[in-house]
Amino acid sequence: MTDDDEAAPENPARTGAFYGRRKGKPLRKGHAHLVETLLPSLSLDLGQPAPADLRALFSVPVDDVWMESGFGGGEHLLNLAEANPGIGLIGAEPFVNGMAKLLAIIDARPDLARRIRLHAADAVPLLDWLPEASLGRFYLLYPDPWPKTRHWKRRFVGEDNLARLARVLRPEAEFRFASDWAPYVDWTLQRVPEHTGFRWLAETSQDWKQPWAGWPGTRYEAKALREGRVPAYLRFRRA
């Protein structure tokens, strides 16, 4: 997600996607250049078969591969890269302005580019492209809550996508979810534990009221707290 309130929304009924917009403010010249030049070198080619072992996607050895869907401006994804030097990361983000912000940082940190691969579109085709049991962790942080009843079917957490996650996450891998929208938290807690592929890891209320270890904070979390909303942090383990 992004909190760029000046972005013009796309028509969700027309796009059929789990996000609401692709573009916001016009990109600065330098950012537009990075989208044209750097992004292709980091983008996954879904027109080719995925490698059986996703670690082959990266130009340096990695121990495991994690994915974040809808990374916004990329702050959390970059923190993961810095804090976990043995992990290869895949990030999906359809919002062009958010992708450009991440590319600007990667451009100044070529060491990170060796362990990050990107998908500038909806995460669903990417999940379908990934091999079975190929991810060690999946993050969905502050996704669009689609608060209107007629849009609930566009929430990312649903039967079809949970089946996708169950397919690509290996046994004991984690699905981590954070949101400041209480109805969407409830929605998620109703649906994920009901899926035979996942188990909620909370044992006490603090397990979902407090961020997991290593949580760096995000722009969206800060905005939610300023506006009086209380985030929840959910961890589910693949059975």
C-alpha atoms as a PDB file:
ATOM      1  CA  MET A   1       0.000   0.000   0.000  1.00  0.00           C
ATOM      2  CA  THR A   2       0.888   3.646  -0.176  1.00  0.00           C
ATOM      3  CA  ASP A   3      -0.351   6.645   1.736  1.00  0.00           C
ATOM      4  CA  ASP A   4       0.035   9.024  -1.196  1.00  0.00           C
ATOM      5  CA  ASP A   5      -3.426  10.564  -0.946  1.00  0.00           C
ATOM      6  CA  GLU A   6      -3.005  12.470  -4.189  1.00  0.00           C
ATOM      7  CA  ALA A   7      -2.806   9.313  -6.253  1.00  0.00           C
ATOM      8  CA  ALA A   8      -5.650   8.773  -8.663  1.00  0.00           C
ATOM      9  CA  PRO A   9      -7.440   5.456  -8.044  1.00  0.00           C
ATOM     10  CA  GLU A  10      -7.976   2.933 -10.749  1.00  0.00           C
ATOM     11  CA  ASN A  11     -11.395   1.403 -11.215  1.00  0.00           C
ATOM     12  CA  PRO A  12     -11.160  -1.856  -9.206  1.00  0.00           C
ATOM     13  CA  ALA A  13     -14.104  -3.362 -11.057  1.00  0.00           C
ATOM     14  CA  ARG A  14     -12.163  -2.895 -14.285  1.00  0.00           C
ATOM     15  CA  THR A  15      -8.754  -4.068 -13.083  1.00  0.00           C
ATOM     16  CA  GLY A  16      -9.936  -7.073 -11.062  1.00  0.00           C
ATOM     17  CA  ALA A  17      -6.839  -6.717  -8.874  1.00  0.00           C
ATOM     18  CA  PHE A  18      -6.225  -6.666  -5.134  1.00  0.00           C
ATOM     19  CA  TYR A  19      -4.834  -3.123  -5.244  1.00  0.00           C
ATOM     20  CA  GLY A  20      -6.579   0.166  -6.042  1.00  0.00           C
ATOM     21  CA  ARG A  21      -4.133   2.182  -8.136  1.00  0.00           C
ATOM     22  CA  ARG A  22      -0.963   1.945 -10.202  1.00  0.00           C
ATOM     23  CA  LYS A  23       0.246   5.558 -10.350  1.00  0.00           C
ATOM     24  CA  GLY A  24       0.290   8.643  -8.148  1.00  0.00           C
ATOM     25  CA  LYS A  25       2.198  11.873  -8.660  1.00  0.00           C
ATOM     26  CA  PRO A  26       4.305  12.106 -11.827  1.00  0.00           C
ATOM     27  CA  LEU A  27       7.718  10.553 -11.232  1.00  0.00           C
ATOM     28  CA  ARG A  28      10.739  12.766 -10.907  1.00  0.00           C
ATOM     29  CA  LYS A  29      13.133  12.466 -13.826  1.00  0.00           C
ATOM     30  CA  GLY A  30      15.668  10.412 -11.872  1.00  0.00           C
ATOM     31  CA  HIS A  31      13.018   8.005 -10.585  1.00  0.00           C
ATOM     32  CA  ALA A  32      11.527   7.577 -14.050  1.00  0.00           C
ATOM     33  CA  HIS A  33      14.992   6.777 -15.381  1.00  0.00           C
ATOM     34  CA  LEU A  34      15.471   4.069 -12.735  1.00  0.00           C
ATOM     35  CA  VAL A  35      12.115   2.502 -13.621  1.00  0.00           C
ATOM     36  CA  GLU A  36      13.263   2.328 -17.238  1.00  0.00           C
ATOM     37  CA  THR A  37      16.834   1.143 -16.611  1.00  0.00           C
ATOM     38  CA  LEU A  38      17.288  -0.509 -13.194  1.00  0.00           C
ATOM     39  CA  LEU A  39      13.895  -2.175 -12.771  1.00  0.00           C
ATOM     40  CA  PRO A  40      14.262  -4.476 -15.828  1.00  0.00           C
ATOM     41  CA  SER A  41      17.518  -5.875 -14.458  1.00  0.00           C
ATOM     42  CA  LEU A  42      15.859  -6.786 -11.148  1.00  0.00           C
ATOM     43  CA  SER A  43      12.475  -7.910 -12.474  1.00  0.00           C
ATOM     44  CA  LEU A  44      11.413 -11.539 -12.577  1.00  0.00           C
ATOM     45  CA  ASP A  45      10.484 -12.845 -15.996  1.00  0.00           C
ATOM     46  CA  LEU A  46       7.215 -14.694 -15.523  1.00  0.00           C
ATOM     47  CA  GLY A  47       7.316 -15.630 -19.183  1.00  0.00           C
ATOM     48  CA  GLN A  48      10.067 -18.122 -18.373  1.00  0.00           C
ATOM     49  CA  PRO A  49       9.727 -21.125 -16.038  1.00  0.00           C
ATOM     50  CA  ALA A  50      10.756 -20.429 -12.462  1.00  0.00           C
ATOM     51  CA  PRO A  51      13.896 -22.215 -11.296  1.00  0.00           C
ATOM     52  CA  ALA A  52      13.177 -25.271  -9.171  1.00  0.00           C
ATOM     53  CA  ASP A  53      15.338 -23.702  -6.465  1.00  0.00           C
ATOM     54  CA  LEU A  54      14.573 -19.974  -6.107  1.00  0.00           C
ATOM     55  CA  ARG A  55      18.006 -19.322  -4.670  1.00  0.00           C
ATOM     56  CA  ALA A  56      19.244 -19.489  -8.263  1.00  0.00           C
ATOM     57  CA  LEU A  57      17.528 -16.136  -8.913  1.00  0.00           C
ATOM     58  CA  PHE A  58      20.199 -14.259  -7.002  1.00  0.00           C
ATOM     59  CA  SER A  59      23.753 -13.376  -7.986  1.00  0.00           C
ATOM     60  CA  VAL A  60      25.133 -14.251  -4.541  1.00  0.00           C
ATOM     61  CA  PRO A  61      24.555 -17.379  -2.429  1.00  0.00           C
ATOM     62  CA  VAL A  62      21.525 -17.183  -0.124  1.00  0.00           C
ATOM     63  CA  ASP A  63      20.189 -19.628   2.444  1.00  0.00           C
ATOM     64  CA  ASP A  64      16.470 -19.012   1.907  1.00  0.00           C
ATOM     65  CA  VAL A  65      14.005 -16.860  -0.031  1.00  0.00           C
ATOM     66  CA  TRP A  66      11.298 -14.645   1.485  1.00  0.00           C
ATOM     67  CA  MET A  67       8.639 -12.549  -0.221  1.00  0.00           C
ATOM     68  CA  GLU A  68       6.762  -9.343   0.579  1.00  0.00           C
ATOM     69  CA  SER A  69       3.578  -8.433  -1.267  1.00  0.00           C
ATOM     70  CA  GLY A  70       2.706  -4.749  -1.583  1.00  0.00           C
ATOM     71  CA  PHE A  71       5.892  -3.283  -0.113  1.00  0.00           C
ATOM     72  CA  GLY A  72       4.916   0.382  -0.560  1.00  0.00           C
ATOM     73  CA  GLY A  73       8.086   2.462  -0.569  1.00  0.00           C
ATOM     74  CA  GLY A  74      10.201  -0.560   0.309  1.00  0.00           C
ATOM     75  CA  GLU A  75      11.296   0.421   3.829  1.00  0.00           C
ATOM     76  CA  HIS A  76      10.462  -2.936   5.350  1.00  0.00           C
ATOM     77  CA  LEU A  77      11.899  -4.903   2.431  1.00  0.00           C
ATOM     78  CA  LEU A  78      15.183  -3.016   2.691  1.00  0.00           C
ATOM     79  CA  ASN A  79      15.311  -3.545   6.443  1.00  0.00           C
ATOM     80  CA  LEU A  80      14.872  -7.271   5.870  1.00  0.00           C
ATOM     81  CA  ALA A  81      17.744  -7.237   3.388  1.00  0.00           C
ATOM     82  CA  GLU A  82      20.043  -5.387   5.781  1.00  0.00           C
ATOM     83  CA  ALA A  83      19.126  -7.456   8.840  1.00  0.00           C
ATOM     84  CA  ASN A  84      19.249 -10.839   7.073  1.00  0.00           C
ATOM     85  CA  PRO A  85      22.353 -11.046   4.869  1.00  0.00           C
ATOM     86  CA  GLY A  86      21.724 -14.714   4.094  1.00  0.00           C
ATOM     87  CA  ILE A  87      18.225 -14.176   2.701  1.00  0.00           C
ATOM     88  CA  GLY A  88      17.146 -13.531  -0.879  1.00  0.00           C
ATOM     89  CA  LEU A  89      14.068 -11.308  -1.137  1.00  0.00           C
ATOM     90  CA  ILE A  90      11.272 -11.040  -3.679  1.00  0.00           C
ATOM     91  CA  GLY A  91       9.097  -7.924  -3.568  1.00  0.00           C
ATOM     92  CA  ALA A  92       5.846  -7.336  -5.435  1.00  0.00           C
ATOM     93  CA  GLU A  93       4.451  -3.806  -5.751  1.00  0.00           C
ATOM     94  CA  PRO A  94       2.123  -2.553  -8.498  1.00  0.00           C
ATOM     95  CA  PHE A  95       2.272   1.104  -7.376  1.00  0.00           C
ATOM     96  CA  VAL A  96       4.867   2.727  -9.620  1.00  0.00           C
ATOM     97  CA  ASN A  97       5.753   5.544  -7.219  1.00  0.00           C
ATOM     98  CA  GLY A  98       6.525   3.090  -4.416  1.00  0.00           C
ATOM     99  CA  MET A  99       8.638   0.971  -6.744  1.00  0.00           C
ATOM    100  CA  ALA A 100      10.584   4.066  -7.812  1.00  0.00           C
ATOM    101  CA  LYS A 101      11.384   4.951  -4.199  1.00  0.00           C
ATOM    102  CA  LEU A 102      12.805   1.495  -3.588  1.00  0.00           C
ATOM    103  CA  LEU A 103      14.825   1.608  -6.802  1.00  0.00           C
ATOM    104  CA  ALA A 104      16.415   4.906  -5.755  1.00  0.00           C
ATOM    105  CA  ILE A 105      17.740   3.288  -2.588  1.00  0.00           C
ATOM    106  CA  ILE A 106      18.878   0.134  -4.338  1.00  0.00           C
ATOM    107  CA  ASP A 107      20.685   2.269  -6.909  1.00  0.00           C
ATOM    108  CA  ALA A 108      22.784   3.698  -4.077  1.00  0.00           C
ATOM    109  CA  ARG A 109      23.253   0.250  -2.520  1.00  0.00           C
ATOM    110  CA  PRO A 110      24.283  -2.162  -5.292  1.00  0.00           C
ATOM    111  CA  ASP A 111      25.133  -4.766  -2.652  1.00  0.00           C
ATOM    112  CA  LEU A 112      21.430  -5.038  -1.879  1.00  0.00           C
ATOM    113  CA  ALA A 113      20.549  -5.475  -5.543  1.00  0.00           C
ATOM    114  CA  ARG A 114      22.306  -8.830  -5.501  1.00  0.00           C
ATOM    115  CA  ARG A 115      19.707 -10.203  -3.063  1.00  0.00           C
ATOM    116  CA  ILE A 116      16.503  -8.485  -4.208  1.00  0.00           C
ATOM    117  CA  ARG A 117      14.249  -9.379  -7.115  1.00  0.00           C
ATOM    118  CA  LEU A 118      11.126  -7.424  -8.016  1.00  0.00           C
ATOM    119  CA  HIS A 119       7.715  -7.790  -9.622  1.00  0.00           C
ATOM    120  CA  ALA A 120       6.013  -4.525 -10.605  1.00  0.00           C
ATOM    121  CA  ALA A 121       2.478  -5.880 -10.701  1.00  0.00           C
ATOM    122  CA  ASP A 122      -0.099  -7.784  -8.702  1.00  0.00           C
ATOM    123  CA  ALA A 123       1.345 -10.603  -6.584  1.00  0.00           C
ATOM    124  CA  VAL A 124      -1.123 -13.281  -7.688  1.00  0.00           C
ATOM    125  CA  PRO A 125       0.531 -14.172 -11.037  1.00  0.00           C
ATOM    126  CA  LEU A 126       3.866 -14.234  -9.235  1.00  0.00           C
ATOM    127  CA  LEU A 127       2.569 -16.649  -6.616  1.00  0.00           C
ATOM    128  CA  ASP A 128       1.240 -18.876  -9.374  1.00  0.00           C
ATOM    129  CA  TRP A 129       4.671 -18.771 -11.052  1.00  0.00           C
ATOM    130  CA  LEU A 130       6.638 -19.766  -7.954  1.00  0.00           C
ATOM    131  CA  PRO A 131       7.475 -23.439  -7.417  1.00  0.00           C
ATOM    132  CA  GLU A 132       5.749 -25.455  -4.730  1.00  0.00           C
ATOM    133  CA  ALA A 133       7.259 -25.131  -1.219  1.00  0.00           C
ATOM    134  CA  SER A 134       9.788 -22.564  -2.418  1.00  0.00           C
ATOM    135  CA  LEU A 135       9.414 -19.750   0.157  1.00  0.00           C
ATOM    136  CA  GLY A 136      10.483 -19.635   3.775  1.00  0.00           C
ATOM    137  CA  ARG A 137       8.373 -16.594   4.688  1.00  0.00           C
ATOM    138  CA  PHE A 138       5.682 -14.330   3.240  1.00  0.00           C
ATOM    139  CA  TYR A 139       4.822 -10.802   4.422  1.00  0.00           C
ATOM    140  CA  LEU A 140       1.558  -8.935   3.850  1.00  0.00           C
ATOM    141  CA  LEU A 141       1.832  -5.595   5.668  1.00  0.00           C
ATOM    142  CA  TYR A 142      -0.933  -3.006   5.791  1.00  0.00           C
ATOM    143  CA  PRO A 143      -2.739  -4.273   2.687  1.00  0.00           C
ATOM    144  CA  ASP A 144      -5.635  -2.312   1.251  1.00  0.00           C
ATOM    145  CA  PRO A 145      -8.534  -3.169   3.617  1.00  0.00           C
ATOM    146  CA  TRP A 146     -11.242  -2.600   0.973  1.00  0.00           C
ATOM    147  CA  PRO A 147     -13.660  -1.421   3.686  1.00  0.00           C
ATOM    148  CA  LYS A 148     -16.808  -1.291   1.551  1.00  0.00           C
ATOM    149  CA  THR A 149     -18.831  -4.493   1.635  1.00  0.00           C
ATOM    150  CA  ARG A 150     -19.039  -4.751  -2.140  1.00  0.00           C
ATOM    151  CA  HIS A 151     -15.219  -4.752  -2.290  1.00  0.00           C
ATOM    152  CA  TRP A 152     -14.525  -7.396   0.351  1.00  0.00           C
ATOM    153  CA  LYS A 153     -13.886  -9.967  -2.364  1.00  0.00           C
ATOM    154  CA  ARG A 154     -10.826  -7.892  -3.312  1.00  0.00           C
ATOM    155  CA  ARG A 155      -9.157  -8.376   0.038  1.00  0.00           C
ATOM    156  CA  PHE A 156      -5.948 -10.293  -0.474  1.00  0.00           C
ATOM    157  CA  VAL A 157      -6.706 -12.703   2.360  1.00  0.00           C
ATOM    158  CA  GLY A 158      -9.207 -15.079   0.861  1.00  0.00           C
ATOM    159  CA  GLU A 159      -9.647 -18.744   0.039  1.00  0.00           C
ATOM    160  CA  ASP A 160      -7.891 -18.610  -3.332  1.00  0.00           C
ATOM    161  CA  ASN A 161      -4.846 -16.700  -2.122  1.00  0.00           C
ATOM    162  CA  LEU A 162      -4.528 -18.765   1.035  1.00  0.00           C
ATOM    163  CA  ALA A 163      -4.385 -21.820  -1.205  1.00  0.00           C
ATOM    164  CA  ARG A 164      -1.652 -20.093  -3.203  1.00  0.00           C
ATOM    165  CA  LEU A 165       0.316 -19.325  -0.046  1.00  0.00           C
ATOM    166  CA  ALA A 166      -0.104 -22.853   1.258  1.00  0.00           C
ATOM    167  CA  ARG A 167       1.322 -24.125  -2.014  1.00  0.00           C
ATOM    168  CA  VAL A 168       4.418 -21.908  -2.158  1.00  0.00           C
ATOM    169  CA  LEU A 169       5.326 -21.859   1.547  1.00  0.00           C
ATOM    170  CA  ARG A 170       7.295 -24.857   2.730  1.00  0.00           C
ATOM    171  CA  PRO A 171       6.247 -26.678   5.930  1.00  0.00           C
ATOM    172  CA  GLU A 172       7.066 -24.590   9.045  1.00  0.00           C
ATOM    173  CA  ALA A 173       7.386 -21.407   6.943  1.00  0.00           C
ATOM    174  CA  GLU A 174       5.568 -18.304   8.210  1.00  0.00           C
ATOM    175  CA  PHE A 175       2.909 -15.989   6.831  1.00  0.00           C
ATOM    176  CA  ARG A 176       3.198 -12.627   8.624  1.00  0.00           C
ATOM    177  CA  PHE A 177       0.386 -10.088   8.448  1.00  0.00           C
ATOM    178  CA  ALA A 178       0.056  -6.588   9.911  1.00  0.00           C
ATOM    179  CA  SER A 179      -2.868  -4.185   9.688  1.00  0.00           C
ATOM    180  CA  ASP A 180      -4.347  -1.214  11.532  1.00  0.00           C
ATOM    181  CA  TRP A 181      -7.838  -1.938  10.186  1.00  0.00           C
ATOM    182  CA  ALA A 182      -9.614  -3.933  12.907  1.00  0.00           C
ATOM    183  CA  PRO A 183     -12.319  -5.426  10.623  1.00  0.00           C
ATOM    184  CA  TYR A 184      -9.626  -6.749   8.295  1.00  0.00           C
ATOM    185  CA  VAL A 185      -7.693  -8.193  11.244  1.00  0.00           C
ATOM    186  CA  ASP A 186     -10.869  -9.990  12.353  1.00  0.00           C
ATOM    187  CA  TRP A 187     -11.470 -11.114   8.770  1.00  0.00           C
ATOM    188  CA  THR A 188      -7.958 -12.565   8.623  1.00  0.00           C
ATOM    189  CA  LEU A 189      -8.270 -14.306  11.981  1.00  0.00           C
ATOM    190  CA  GLN A 190     -11.500 -15.919  10.822  1.00  0.00           C
ATOM    191  CA  ARG A 191     -10.100 -17.210   7.555  1.00  0.00           C
ATOM    192  CA  VAL A 192      -6.455 -18.156   7.950  1.00  0.00           C
ATOM    193  CA  PRO A 193      -6.784 -20.536  10.931  1.00  0.00           C
ATOM    194  CA  GLU A 194      -9.749 -22.185   9.202  1.00  0.00           C
ATOM    195  CA  HIS A 195      -7.484 -23.073   6.306  1.00  0.00           C
ATOM    196  CA  THR A 196      -5.919 -26.465   6.908  1.00  0.00           C
ATOM    197  CA  GLY A 197      -2.537 -25.176   5.773  1.00  0.00           C
ATOM    198  CA  PHE A 198      -1.970 -22.667   8.595  1.00  0.00           C
ATOM    199  CA  ARG A 199      -1.809 -22.378  12.378  1.00  0.00           C
ATOM    200  CA  TRP A 200      -1.975 -19.077  14.291  1.00  0.00           C
ATOM    201  CA  LEU A 201       1.057 -18.800  16.544  1.00  0.00           C
ATOM    202  CA  ALA A 202      -0.325 -16.433  19.192  1.00  0.00           C
ATOM    203  CA  GLU A 203      -0.390 -17.755  22.756  1.00  0.00           C
ATOM    204  CA  THR A 204      -1.142 -14.502  24.614  1.00  0.00           C
ATOM    205  CA  SER A 205      -2.637 -11.166  23.566  1.00  0.00           C
ATOM    206  CA  GLN A 206       0.821  -9.614  23.521  1.00  0.00           C
ATOM    207  CA  ASP A 207       1.729 -11.922  20.668  1.00  0.00           C
ATOM    208  CA  TRP A 208      -0.523  -9.978  18.324  1.00  0.00           C
ATOM    209  CA  LYS A 209      -0.481  -6.568  20.035  1.00  0.00           C
ATOM    210  CA  GLN A 210       3.306  -6.272  19.844  1.00  0.00           C
ATOM    211  CA  PRO A 211       5.365  -6.483  16.628  1.00  0.00           C
ATOM    212  CA  TRP A 212       7.488  -9.556  16.077  1.00  0.00           C
ATOM    213  CA  ALA A 213      11.220  -9.375  16.786  1.00  0.00           C
ATOM    214  CA  GLY A 214      13.142  -7.185  14.401  1.00  0.00           C
ATOM    215  CA  TRP A 215      10.136  -5.127  13.318  1.00  0.00           C
ATOM    216  CA  PRO A 216      11.505  -1.787  12.011  1.00  0.00           C
ATOM    217  CA  GLY A 217       8.255   0.151  11.902  1.00  0.00           C
ATOM    218  CA  THR A 218       6.772   1.554   8.702  1.00  0.00           C
ATOM    219  CA  ARG A 219       5.287   4.817   7.442  1.00  0.00           C
ATOM    220  CA  TYR A 220       1.861   3.211   7.526  1.00  0.00           C
ATOM    221  CA  GLU A 221       2.222   2.109  11.126  1.00  0.00           C
ATOM    222  CA  ALA A 222       3.299   5.622  12.157  1.00  0.00           C
ATOM    223  CA  LYS A 223       0.329   7.118  10.329  1.00  0.00           C
ATOM    224  CA  ALA A 224      -2.075   4.643  11.947  1.00  0.00           C
ATOM    225  CA  LEU A 225      -0.785   5.451  15.428  1.00  0.00           C
ATOM    226  CA  ARG A 226      -1.032   9.200  14.782  1.00  0.00           C
ATOM    227  CA  GLU A 227      -4.642   8.737  13.736  1.00  0.00           C
ATOM    228  CA  GLY A 228      -5.497   6.603  16.761  1.00  0.00           C
ATOM    229  CA  ARG A 229      -5.648   3.179  15.133  1.00  0.00           C
ATOM    230  CA  VAL A 230      -4.015   0.227  16.856  1.00  0.00           C
ATOM    231  CA  PRO A 231      -2.112  -2.178  14.597  1.00  0.00           C
ATOM    232  CA  ALA A 232      -2.174  -5.942  14.995  1.00  0.00           C
ATOM    233  CA  TYR A 233       0.699  -8.267  14.097  1.00  0.00           C
ATOM    234  CA  LEU A 234      -0.257 -11.826  13.173  1.00  0.00           C
ATOM    235  CA  ARG A 235       2.000 -14.806  12.589  1.00  0.00           C
ATOM    236  CA  PHE A 236       0.789 -18.025  10.995  1.00  0.00           C
ATOM    237  CA  ARG A 237       2.820 -21.156  10.453  1.00  0.00           C
ATOM    238  CA  ARG A 238       2.452 -23.401   7.433  1.00  0.00           C
ATOM    239  CA  ALA A 239       1.435 -26.850   8.590  1.00  0.00           C
END
